Amino acid sequence: MHNLGFVLEAAWKVLLAGLILGAGLPALFALGVRSLAYGAGGPDRAPRPLGTAGGYLCFAIVLLGVMLGITFIVASGFGKALSFEHVYPTVVDK
């Protein structure tokens, strides 16, 4: 009976990671594009700087996620691990 609990606990973690990385980053990128379009204004609307700043913030978060993913892959290839022991990620020996 304990095995079922372990499986369900692991399954929701995998599902959450899949939603964040699999659908979350592309959705955040789309939100950034939409925010930039909103911030640009138009011929009959004034530009909105808050929309532009929000778009760049979304792009920065997506870029950070991509860089962390690449760092994880490269660190694994060199026999290292990515540690979040401190506030910022570091590459440590396994």
PDB file of N, CA and C in Angstrom:
ATOM      1  N   MET A   1       0.825  -1.200   0.000  1.00  0.00           N
ATOM      2  CA  MET A   1       0.000   0.000   0.000  1.00  0.00           C
ATOM      3  C   MET A   1       0.865   1.258   0.000  1.00  0.00           C
ATOM      4  N   HIS A   2       2.040   1.175   0.624  1.00  0.00           N
ATOM      5  CA  HIS A   2       2.923   2.343   0.638  1.00  0.00           C
ATOM      6  C   HIS A   2       3.482   2.632  -0.755  1.00  0.00           C
ATOM      7  N   ASN A   3       3.630   1.594  -1.570  1.00  0.00           N
ATOM      8  CA  ASN A   3       4.150   1.794  -2.921  1.00  0.00           C
ATOM      9  C   ASN A   3       3.210   2.657  -3.751  1.00  0.00           C
ATOM     10  N   LEU A   4       1.924   2.481  -3.588  1.00  0.00           N
ATOM     11  CA  LEU A   4       0.963   3.298  -4.317  1.00  0.00           C
ATOM     12  C   LEU A   4       1.101   4.771  -3.927  1.00  0.00           C
ATOM     13  N   GLY A   5       1.335   5.037  -2.660  1.00  0.00           N
ATOM     14  CA  GLY A   5       1.546   6.419  -2.206  1.00  0.00           C
ATOM     15  C   GLY A   5       2.794   7.027  -2.823  1.00  0.00           C
ATOM     16  N   PHE A   6       3.871   6.225  -2.906  1.00  0.00           N
ATOM     17  CA  PHE A   6       5.102   6.722  -3.528  1.00  0.00           C
ATOM     18  C   PHE A   6       4.896   7.007  -5.016  1.00  0.00           C
ATOM     19  N   VAL A   7       4.161   6.147  -5.685  1.00  0.00           N
ATOM     20  CA  VAL A   7       3.903   6.332  -7.118  1.00  0.00           C
ATOM     21  C   VAL A   7       3.071   7.586  -7.355  1.00  0.00           C
ATOM     22  N   LEU A   8       2.033   7.783  -6.558  1.00  0.00           N
ATOM     23  CA  LEU A   8       1.185   8.965  -6.734  1.00  0.00           C
ATOM     24  C   LEU A   8       1.935  10.250  -6.401  1.00  0.00           C
ATOM     25  N   GLU A   9       2.783  10.190  -5.385  1.00  0.00           N
ATOM     26  CA  GLU A   9       3.570  11.378  -5.027  1.00  0.00           C
ATOM     27  C   GLU A   9       4.528  11.745  -6.154  1.00  0.00           C
ATOM     28  N   ALA A  10       5.183  10.755  -6.727  1.00  0.00           N
ATOM     29  CA  ALA A  10       6.105  11.012  -7.832  1.00  0.00           C
ATOM     30  C   ALA A  10       5.345  11.448  -9.083  1.00  0.00           C
ATOM     31  N   ALA A  11       4.168  10.882  -9.304  1.00  0.00           N
ATOM     32  CA  ALA A  11       3.399  11.204 -10.510  1.00  0.00           C
ATOM     33  C   ALA A  11       2.965  12.663 -10.524  1.00  0.00           C
ATOM     34  N   TRP A  12       2.523  13.210  -9.402  1.00  0.00           N
ATOM     35  CA  TRP A  12       2.096  14.606  -9.439  1.00  0.00           C
ATOM     36  C   TRP A  12       3.280  15.544  -9.597  1.00  0.00           C
ATOM     37  N   LYS A  13       4.477  15.144  -9.098  1.00  0.00           N
ATOM     38  CA  LYS A  13       5.667  15.976  -9.307  1.00  0.00           C
ATOM     39  C   LYS A  13       6.068  16.005 -10.775  1.00  0.00           C
ATOM     40  N   VAL A  14       5.988  14.847 -11.429  1.00  0.00           N
ATOM     41  CA  VAL A  14       6.301  14.784 -12.853  1.00  0.00           C
ATOM     42  C   VAL A  14       5.268  15.579 -13.652  1.00  0.00           C
ATOM     43  N   LEU A  15       4.013  15.476 -13.285  1.00  0.00           N
ATOM     44  CA  LEU A  15       2.959  16.220 -13.966  1.00  0.00           C
ATOM     45  C   LEU A  15       3.159  17.727 -13.811  1.00  0.00           C
ATOM     46  N   LEU A  16       3.504  18.157 -12.616  1.00  0.00           N
ATOM     47  CA  LEU A  16       3.733  19.580 -12.362  1.00  0.00           C
ATOM     48  C   LEU A  16       4.929  20.095 -13.162  1.00  0.00           C
ATOM     49  N   ALA A  17       6.030  19.342 -13.165  1.00  0.00           N
ATOM     50  CA  ALA A  17       7.201  19.751 -13.942  1.00  0.00           C
ATOM     51  C   ALA A  17       6.877  19.787 -15.434  1.00  0.00           C
ATOM     52  N   GLY A  18       6.093  18.824 -15.901  1.00  0.00           N
ATOM     53  CA  GLY A  18       5.699  18.813 -17.313  1.00  0.00           C
ATOM     54  C   GLY A  18       4.836  19.999 -17.684  1.00  0.00           C
ATOM     55  N   LEU A  19       3.943  20.376 -16.792  1.00  0.00           N
ATOM     56  CA  LEU A  19       3.089  21.534 -17.072  1.00  0.00           C
ATOM     57  C   LEU A  19       3.895  22.825 -17.072  1.00  0.00           C
ATOM     58  N   ILE A  20       4.813  22.949 -16.132  1.00  0.00           N
ATOM     59  CA  ILE A  20       5.604  24.183 -16.045  1.00  0.00           C
ATOM     60  C   ILE A  20       6.549  24.302 -17.232  1.00  0.00           C
ATOM     61  N   LEU A  21       7.314  23.237 -17.479  1.00  0.00           N
ATOM     62  CA  LEU A  21       8.319  23.307 -18.536  1.00  0.00           C
ATOM     63  C   LEU A  21       7.743  23.009 -19.914  1.00  0.00           C
ATOM     64  N   GLY A  22       6.790  22.106 -19.991  1.00  0.00           N
ATOM     65  CA  GLY A  22       6.258  21.710 -21.286  1.00  0.00           C
ATOM     66  C   GLY A  22       5.264  22.698 -21.845  1.00  0.00           C
ATOM     67  N   ALA A  23       4.384  23.209 -21.021  1.00  0.00           N
ATOM     68  CA  ALA A  23       3.358  24.137 -21.493  1.00  0.00           C
ATOM     69  C   ALA A  23       3.537  25.528 -20.902  1.00  0.00           C
ATOM     70  N   GLY A  24       4.201  25.616 -19.783  1.00  0.00           N
ATOM     71  CA  GLY A  24       4.330  26.898 -19.090  1.00  0.00           C
ATOM     72  C   GLY A  24       5.233  27.887 -19.802  1.00  0.00           C
ATOM     73  N   LEU A  25       6.402  27.423 -20.238  1.00  0.00           N
ATOM     74  CA  LEU A  25       7.319  28.343 -20.917  1.00  0.00           C
ATOM     75  C   LEU A  25       6.784  28.819 -22.269  1.00  0.00           C
ATOM     76  N   PRO A  26       6.223  27.939 -23.107  1.00  0.00           N
ATOM     77  CA  PRO A  26       5.620  28.470 -24.346  1.00  0.00           C
ATOM     78  C   PRO A  26       4.438  29.405 -24.095  1.00  0.00           C
ATOM     79  N   ALA A  27       3.658  29.124 -23.063  1.00  0.00           N
ATOM     80  CA  ALA A  27       2.537  30.011 -22.733  1.00  0.00           C
ATOM     81  C   ALA A  27       3.054  31.364 -22.251  1.00  0.00           C
ATOM     82  N   LEU A  28       4.129  31.350 -21.490  1.00  0.00           N
ATOM     83  CA  LEU A  28       4.723  32.606 -21.020  1.00  0.00           C
ATOM     84  C   LEU A  28       5.325  33.389 -22.182  1.00  0.00           C
ATOM     85  N   PHE A  29       5.910  32.681 -23.137  1.00  0.00           N
ATOM     86  CA  PHE A  29       6.426  33.347 -24.334  1.00  0.00           C
ATOM     87  C   PHE A  29       5.285  34.003 -25.113  1.00  0.00           C
ATOM     88  N   ALA A  30       4.177  33.288 -25.269  1.00  0.00           N
ATOM     89  CA  ALA A  30       3.021  33.845 -25.983  1.00  0.00           C
ATOM     90  C   ALA A  30       2.461  35.060 -25.242  1.00  0.00           C
ATOM     91  N   LEU A  31       2.452  34.991 -23.918  1.00  0.00           N
ATOM     92  CA  LEU A  31       2.002  36.136 -23.121  1.00  0.00           C
ATOM     93  C   LEU A  31       2.930  37.333 -23.321  1.00  0.00           C
ATOM     94  N   GLY A  32       4.229  37.067 -23.458  1.00  0.00           N
ATOM     95  CA  GLY A  32       5.189  38.145 -23.713  1.00  0.00           C
ATOM     96  C   GLY A  32       4.956  38.803 -25.057  1.00  0.00           C
ATOM     97  N   VAL A  33       4.675  37.998 -26.084  1.00  0.00           N
ATOM     98  CA  VAL A  33       4.386  38.556 -27.415  1.00  0.00           C
ATOM     99  C   VAL A  33       3.115  39.397 -27.357  1.00  0.00           C
ATOM    100  N   ARG A  34       2.107  38.864 -26.683  1.00  0.00           N
ATOM    101  CA  ARG A  34       0.833  39.595 -26.556  1.00  0.00           C
ATOM    102  C   ARG A  34       1.035  40.904 -25.785  1.00  0.00           C
ATOM    103  N   SER A  35       1.867  40.851 -24.744  1.00  0.00           N
ATOM    104  CA  SER A  35       2.121  42.043 -23.936  1.00  0.00           C
ATOM    105  C   SER A  35       2.883  43.099 -24.724  1.00  0.00           C
ATOM    106  N   LEU A  36       3.828  42.663 -25.554  1.00  0.00           N
ATOM    107  CA  LEU A  36       4.536  43.632 -26.403  1.00  0.00           C
ATOM    108  C   LEU A  36       3.605  44.285 -27.409  1.00  0.00           C
ATOM    109  N   ALA A  37       2.692  43.504 -27.963  1.00  0.00           N
ATOM    110  CA  ALA A  37       1.726  44.075 -28.904  1.00  0.00           C
ATOM    111  C   ALA A  37       0.816  45.078 -28.204  1.00  0.00           C
ATOM    112  N   TYR A  38       0.422  44.750 -26.976  1.00  0.00           N
ATOM    113  CA  TYR A  38      -0.406  45.672 -26.192  1.00  0.00           C
ATOM    114  C   TYR A  38       0.380  46.945 -25.864  1.00  0.00           C
ATOM    115  N   GLY A  39       1.650  46.773 -25.540  1.00  0.00           N
ATOM    116  CA  GLY A  39       2.473  47.927 -25.169  1.00  0.00           C
ATOM    117  C   GLY A  39       2.824  48.822 -26.342  1.00  0.00           C
ATOM    118  N   ALA A  40       2.838  48.272 -27.551  1.00  0.00           N
ATOM    119  CA  ALA A  40       3.212  49.072 -28.716  1.00  0.00           C
ATOM    120  C   ALA A  40       2.137  50.087 -29.077  1.00  0.00           C
ATOM    121  N   GLY A  41       0.933  49.841 -28.672  1.00  0.00           N
ATOM    122  CA  GLY A  41      -0.156  50.753 -29.024  1.00  0.00           C
ATOM    123  C   GLY A  41      -0.596  50.499 -30.443  1.00  0.00           C
ATOM    124  N   GLY A  42      -0.883  51.562 -31.146  1.00  0.00           N
ATOM    125  CA  GLY A  42      -1.340  51.432 -32.529  1.00  0.00           C
ATOM    126  C   GLY A  42      -1.537  52.810 -33.115  1.00  0.00           C
ATOM    127  N   PRO A  43      -2.125  52.858 -34.307  1.00  0.00           N
ATOM    128  CA  PRO A  43      -2.315  54.162 -34.940  1.00  0.00           C
ATOM    129  C   PRO A  43      -3.288  55.058 -34.178  1.00  0.00           C
ATOM    130  N   ASP A  44      -4.245  54.467 -33.498  1.00  0.00           N
ATOM    131  CA  ASP A  44      -5.221  55.288 -32.772  1.00  0.00           C
ATOM    132  C   ASP A  44      -5.072  55.167 -31.251  1.00  0.00           C
ATOM    133  N   ARG A  45      -4.023  54.483 -30.790  1.00  0.00           N
ATOM    134  CA  ARG A  45      -3.802  54.315 -29.348  1.00  0.00           C
ATOM    135  C   ARG A  45      -2.402  54.763 -28.991  1.00  0.00           C
ATOM    136  N   ALA A  46      -2.264  55.244 -27.778  1.00  0.00           N
ATOM    137  CA  ALA A  46      -0.947  55.655 -27.289  1.00  0.00           C
ATOM    138  C   ALA A  46      -0.172  54.417 -26.830  1.00  0.00           C
ATOM    139  N   PRO A  47       1.155  54.445 -26.930  1.00  0.00           N
ATOM    140  CA  PRO A  47       1.940  53.314 -26.440  1.00  0.00           C
ATOM    141  C   PRO A  47       1.804  53.162 -24.923  1.00  0.00           C
ATOM    142  N   ARG A  48       1.869  51.929 -24.471  1.00  0.00           N
ATOM    143  CA  ARG A  48       1.755  51.636 -23.046  1.00  0.00           C
ATOM    144  C   ARG A  48       3.069  51.023 -22.575  1.00  0.00           C
ATOM    145  N   PRO A  49       3.884  51.787 -21.862  1.00  0.00           N
ATOM    146  CA  PRO A  49       5.197  51.282 -21.439  1.00  0.00           C
ATOM    147  C   PRO A  49       5.103  50.096 -20.475  1.00  0.00           C
ATOM    148  N   LEU A  50       4.040  49.998 -19.701  1.00  0.00           N
ATOM    149  CA  LEU A  50       3.894  48.890 -18.775  1.00  0.00           C
ATOM    150  C   LEU A  50       3.720  47.565 -19.529  1.00  0.00           C
ATOM    151  N   GLY A  51       3.023  47.587 -20.647  1.00  0.00           N
ATOM    152  CA  GLY A  51       2.876  46.393 -21.468  1.00  0.00           C
ATOM    153  C   GLY A  51       4.204  45.943 -22.066  1.00  0.00           C
ATOM    154  N   THR A  52       5.000  46.913 -22.513  1.00  0.00           N
ATOM    155  CA  THR A  52       6.318  46.592 -23.059  1.00  0.00           C
ATOM    156  C   THR A  52       7.221  46.013 -21.986  1.00  0.00           C
ATOM    157  N   ALA A  53       7.221  46.586 -20.804  1.00  0.00           N
ATOM    158  CA  ALA A  53       8.042  46.070 -19.705  1.00  0.00           C
ATOM    159  C   ALA A  53       7.596  44.666 -19.295  1.00  0.00           C
ATOM    160  N   GLY A  54       6.294  44.423 -19.290  1.00  0.00           N
ATOM    161  CA  GLY A  54       5.787  43.089 -18.968  1.00  0.00           C
ATOM    162  C   GLY A  54       6.215  42.061 -20.001  1.00  0.00           C
ATOM    163  N   GLY A  55       6.226  42.446 -21.261  1.00  0.00           N
ATOM    164  CA  GLY A  55       6.668  41.548 -22.323  1.00  0.00           C
ATOM    165  C   GLY A  55       8.134  41.177 -22.174  1.00  0.00           C
ATOM    166  N   TYR A  56       8.960  42.174 -21.898  1.00  0.00           N
ATOM    167  CA  TYR A  56      10.385  41.892 -21.705  1.00  0.00           C
ATOM    168  C   TYR A  56      10.626  41.041 -20.462  1.00  0.00           C
ATOM    169  N   LEU A  57       9.829  41.235 -19.433  1.00  0.00           N
ATOM    170  CA  LEU A  57       9.944  40.408 -18.233  1.00  0.00           C
ATOM    171  C   LEU A  57       9.594  38.957 -18.540  1.00  0.00           C
ATOM    172  N   CYS A  58       8.544  38.740 -19.319  1.00  0.00           N
ATOM    173  CA  CYS A  58       8.175  37.372 -19.724  1.00  0.00           C
ATOM    174  C   CYS A  58       9.293  36.723 -20.530  1.00  0.00           C
ATOM    175  N   PHE A  59       9.887  37.476 -21.451  1.00  0.00           N
ATOM    176  CA  PHE A  59      10.975  36.933 -22.257  1.00  0.00           C
ATOM    177  C   PHE A  59      12.192  36.609 -21.400  1.00  0.00           C
ATOM    178  N   ALA A  60      12.468  37.435 -20.402  1.00  0.00           N
ATOM    179  CA  ALA A  60      13.606  37.183 -19.516  1.00  0.00           C
ATOM    180  C   ALA A  60      13.400  35.896 -18.714  1.00  0.00           C
ATOM    181  N   ILE A  61      12.187  35.653 -18.259  1.00  0.00           N
ATOM    182  CA  ILE A  61      11.902  34.429 -17.494  1.00  0.00           C
ATOM    183  C   ILE A  61      12.031  33.203 -18.391  1.00  0.00           C
ATOM    184  N   VAL A  62      11.546  33.293 -19.629  1.00  0.00           N
ATOM    185  CA  VAL A  62      11.677  32.178 -20.574  1.00  0.00           C
ATOM    186  C   VAL A  62      13.147  31.929 -20.879  1.00  0.00           C
ATOM    187  N   LEU A  63      13.908  32.973 -21.101  1.00  0.00           N
ATOM    188  CA  LEU A  63      15.334  32.833 -21.383  1.00  0.00           C
ATOM    189  C   LEU A  63      16.064  32.210 -20.201  1.00  0.00           C
ATOM    190  N   LEU A  64      15.701  32.576 -18.993  1.00  0.00           N
ATOM    191  CA  LEU A  64      16.302  31.989 -17.796  1.00  0.00           C
ATOM    192  C   LEU A  64      15.994  30.492 -17.716  1.00  0.00           C
ATOM    193  N   GLY A  65      14.766  30.113 -18.023  1.00  0.00           N
ATOM    194  CA  GLY A  65      14.399  28.706 -18.017  1.00  0.00           C
ATOM    195  C   GLY A  65      15.164  27.903 -19.059  1.00  0.00           C
ATOM    196  N   VAL A  66      15.351  28.469 -20.245  1.00  0.00           N
ATOM    197  CA  VAL A  66      16.102  27.794 -21.303  1.00  0.00           C
ATOM    198  C   VAL A  66      17.568  27.659 -20.899  1.00  0.00           C
ATOM    199  N   MET A  67      18.147  28.706 -20.331  1.00  0.00           N
ATOM    200  CA  MET A  67      19.542  28.640 -19.904  1.00  0.00           C
ATOM    201  C   MET A  67      19.738  27.620 -18.783  1.00  0.00           C
ATOM    202  N   LEU A  68      18.804  27.538 -17.855  1.00  0.00           N
ATOM    203  CA  LEU A  68      18.902  26.529 -16.802  1.00  0.00           C
ATOM    204  C   LEU A  68      18.811  25.121 -17.373  1.00  0.00           C
ATOM    205  N   GLY A  69      17.954  24.916 -18.361  1.00  0.00           N
ATOM    206  CA  GLY A  69      17.845  23.613 -18.997  1.00  0.00           C
ATOM    207  C   GLY A  69      19.121  23.216 -19.716  1.00  0.00           C
ATOM    208  N   ILE A  70      19.709  24.131 -20.443  1.00  0.00           N
ATOM    209  CA  ILE A  70      20.966  23.854 -21.138  1.00  0.00           C
ATOM    210  C   ILE A  70      22.082  23.595 -20.133  1.00  0.00           C
ATOM    211  N   THR A  71      22.117  24.371 -19.046  1.00  0.00           N
ATOM    212  CA  THR A  71      23.124  24.154 -18.011  1.00  0.00           C
ATOM    213  C   THR A  71      22.977  22.778 -17.379  1.00  0.00           C
ATOM    214  N   PHE A  72      21.751  22.343 -17.142  1.00  0.00           N
ATOM    215  CA  PHE A  72      21.509  21.018 -16.580  1.00  0.00           C
ATOM    216  C   PHE A  72      22.012  19.920 -17.511  1.00  0.00           C
ATOM    217  N   ILE A  73      21.742  20.055 -18.800  1.00  0.00           N
ATOM    218  CA  ILE A  73      22.164  19.052 -19.775  1.00  0.00           C
ATOM    219  C   ILE A  73      23.677  19.008 -19.896  1.00  0.00           C
ATOM    220  N   VAL A  74      24.320  20.164 -19.980  1.00  0.00           N
ATOM    221  CA  VAL A  74      25.775  20.203 -20.112  1.00  0.00           C
ATOM    222  C   VAL A  74      26.441  19.694 -18.840  1.00  0.00           C
ATOM    223  N   ALA A  75      25.938  20.077 -17.683  1.00  0.00           N
ATOM    224  CA  ALA A  75      26.521  19.617 -16.421  1.00  0.00           C
ATOM    225  C   ALA A  75      26.402  18.101 -16.296  1.00  0.00           C
ATOM    226  N   SER A  76      25.289  17.532 -16.708  1.00  0.00           N
ATOM    227  CA  SER A  76      25.116  16.077 -16.664  1.00  0.00           C
ATOM    228  C   SER A  76      26.097  15.388 -17.601  1.00  0.00           C
ATOM    229  N   GLY A  77      26.376  15.991 -18.730  1.00  0.00           N
ATOM    230  CA  GLY A  77      27.328  15.419 -19.676  1.00  0.00           C
ATOM    231  C   GLY A  77      28.741  15.386 -19.148  1.00  0.00           C
ATOM    232  N   PHE A  78      29.089  16.330 -18.298  1.00  0.00           N
ATOM    233  CA  PHE A  78      30.418  16.365 -17.697  1.00  0.00           C
ATOM    234  C   PHE A  78      30.484  15.637 -16.362  1.00  0.00           C
ATOM    235  N   GLY A  79      29.414  14.953 -15.979  1.00  0.00           N
ATOM    236  CA  GLY A  79      29.405  14.219 -14.717  1.00  0.00           C
ATOM    237  C   GLY A  79      29.190  15.113 -13.506  1.00  0.00           C
ATOM    238  N   LYS A  80      28.606  16.248 -13.702  1.00  0.00           N
ATOM    239  CA  LYS A  80      28.323  17.196 -12.619  1.00  0.00           C
ATOM    240  C   LYS A  80      26.820  17.235 -12.374  1.00  0.00           C
ATOM    241  N   ALA A  81      26.430  18.013 -11.392  1.00  0.00           N
ATOM    242  CA  ALA A  81      25.010  18.164 -11.073  1.00  0.00           C
ATOM    243  C   ALA A  81      24.702  19.641 -10.872  1.00  0.00           C
ATOM    244  N   LEU A  82      23.477  20.009 -11.094  1.00  0.00           N
ATOM    245  CA  LEU A  82      23.019  21.377 -10.875  1.00  0.00           C
ATOM    246  C   LEU A  82      22.382  21.442  -9.508  1.00  0.00           C
ATOM    247  N   SER A  83      22.916  22.291  -8.640  1.00  0.00           N
ATOM    248  CA  SER A  83      22.442  22.363  -7.258  1.00  0.00           C
ATOM    249  C   SER A  83      21.760  23.705  -7.010  1.00  0.00           C
ATOM    250  N   PHE A  84      20.634  23.652  -6.319  1.00  0.00           N
ATOM    251  CA  PHE A  84      19.924  24.863  -5.919  1.00  0.00           C
ATOM    252  C   PHE A  84      20.024  25.048  -4.412  1.00  0.00           C
ATOM    253  N   GLU A  85      21.154  24.610  -3.844  1.00  0.00           N
ATOM    254  CA  GLU A  85      21.355  24.687  -2.401  1.00  0.00           C
ATOM    255  C   GLU A  85      21.348  26.140  -1.927  1.00  0.00           C
ATOM    256  N   HIS A  86      21.917  27.021  -2.709  1.00  0.00           N
ATOM    257  CA  HIS A  86      21.906  28.446  -2.400  1.00  0.00           C
ATOM    258  C   HIS A  86      20.744  29.079  -3.165  1.00  0.00           C
ATOM    259  N   VAL A  87      20.659  30.361  -3.147  1.00  0.00           N
ATOM    260  CA  VAL A  87      19.578  31.035  -3.856  1.00  0.00           C
ATOM    261  C   VAL A  87      19.744  30.880  -5.370  1.00  0.00           C
ATOM    262  N   TYR A  88      20.963  30.893  -5.850  1.00  0.00           N
ATOM    263  CA  TYR A  88      21.224  30.789  -7.274  1.00  0.00           C
ATOM    264  C   TYR A  88      21.759  29.391  -7.602  1.00  0.00           C
ATOM    265  N   PRO A  89      21.529  28.896  -8.806  1.00  0.00           N
ATOM    266  CA  PRO A  89      21.989  27.545  -9.161  1.00  0.00           C
ATOM    267  C   PRO A  89      23.497  27.496  -9.345  1.00  0.00           C
ATOM    268  N   THR A  90      24.104  26.406  -8.902  1.00  0.00           N
ATOM    269  CA  THR A  90      25.540  26.194  -9.070  1.00  0.00           C
ATOM    270  C   THR A  90      25.770  24.777  -9.599  1.00  0.00           C
ATOM    271  N   VAL A  91      26.871  24.605 -10.314  1.00  0.00           N
ATOM    272  CA  VAL A  91      27.272  23.299 -10.821  1.00  0.00           C
ATOM    273  C   VAL A  91      28.235  22.696  -9.819  1.00  0.00           C
ATOM    274  N   VAL A  92      27.897  21.506  -9.304  1.00  0.00           N
ATOM    275  CA  VAL A  92      28.712  20.840  -8.285  1.00  0.00           C
ATOM    276  C   VAL A  92      29.024  19.419  -8.740  1.00  0.00           C
ATOM    277  N   ASP A  93      30.031  18.817  -8.092  1.00  0.00           N
ATOM    278  CA  ASP A  93      30.337  17.411  -8.366  1.00  0.00           C
ATOM    279  C   ASP A  93      29.215  16.536  -7.843  1.00  0.00           C
ATOM    280  N   LYS A  94      29.026  15.386  -8.519  1.00  0.00           N
ATOM    281  CA  LYS A  94      27.988  14.443  -8.078  1.00  0.00           C
ATOM    282  C   LYS A  94      28.427  13.719  -6.832  1.00  0.00           C
TER     283      LYS A  94
END
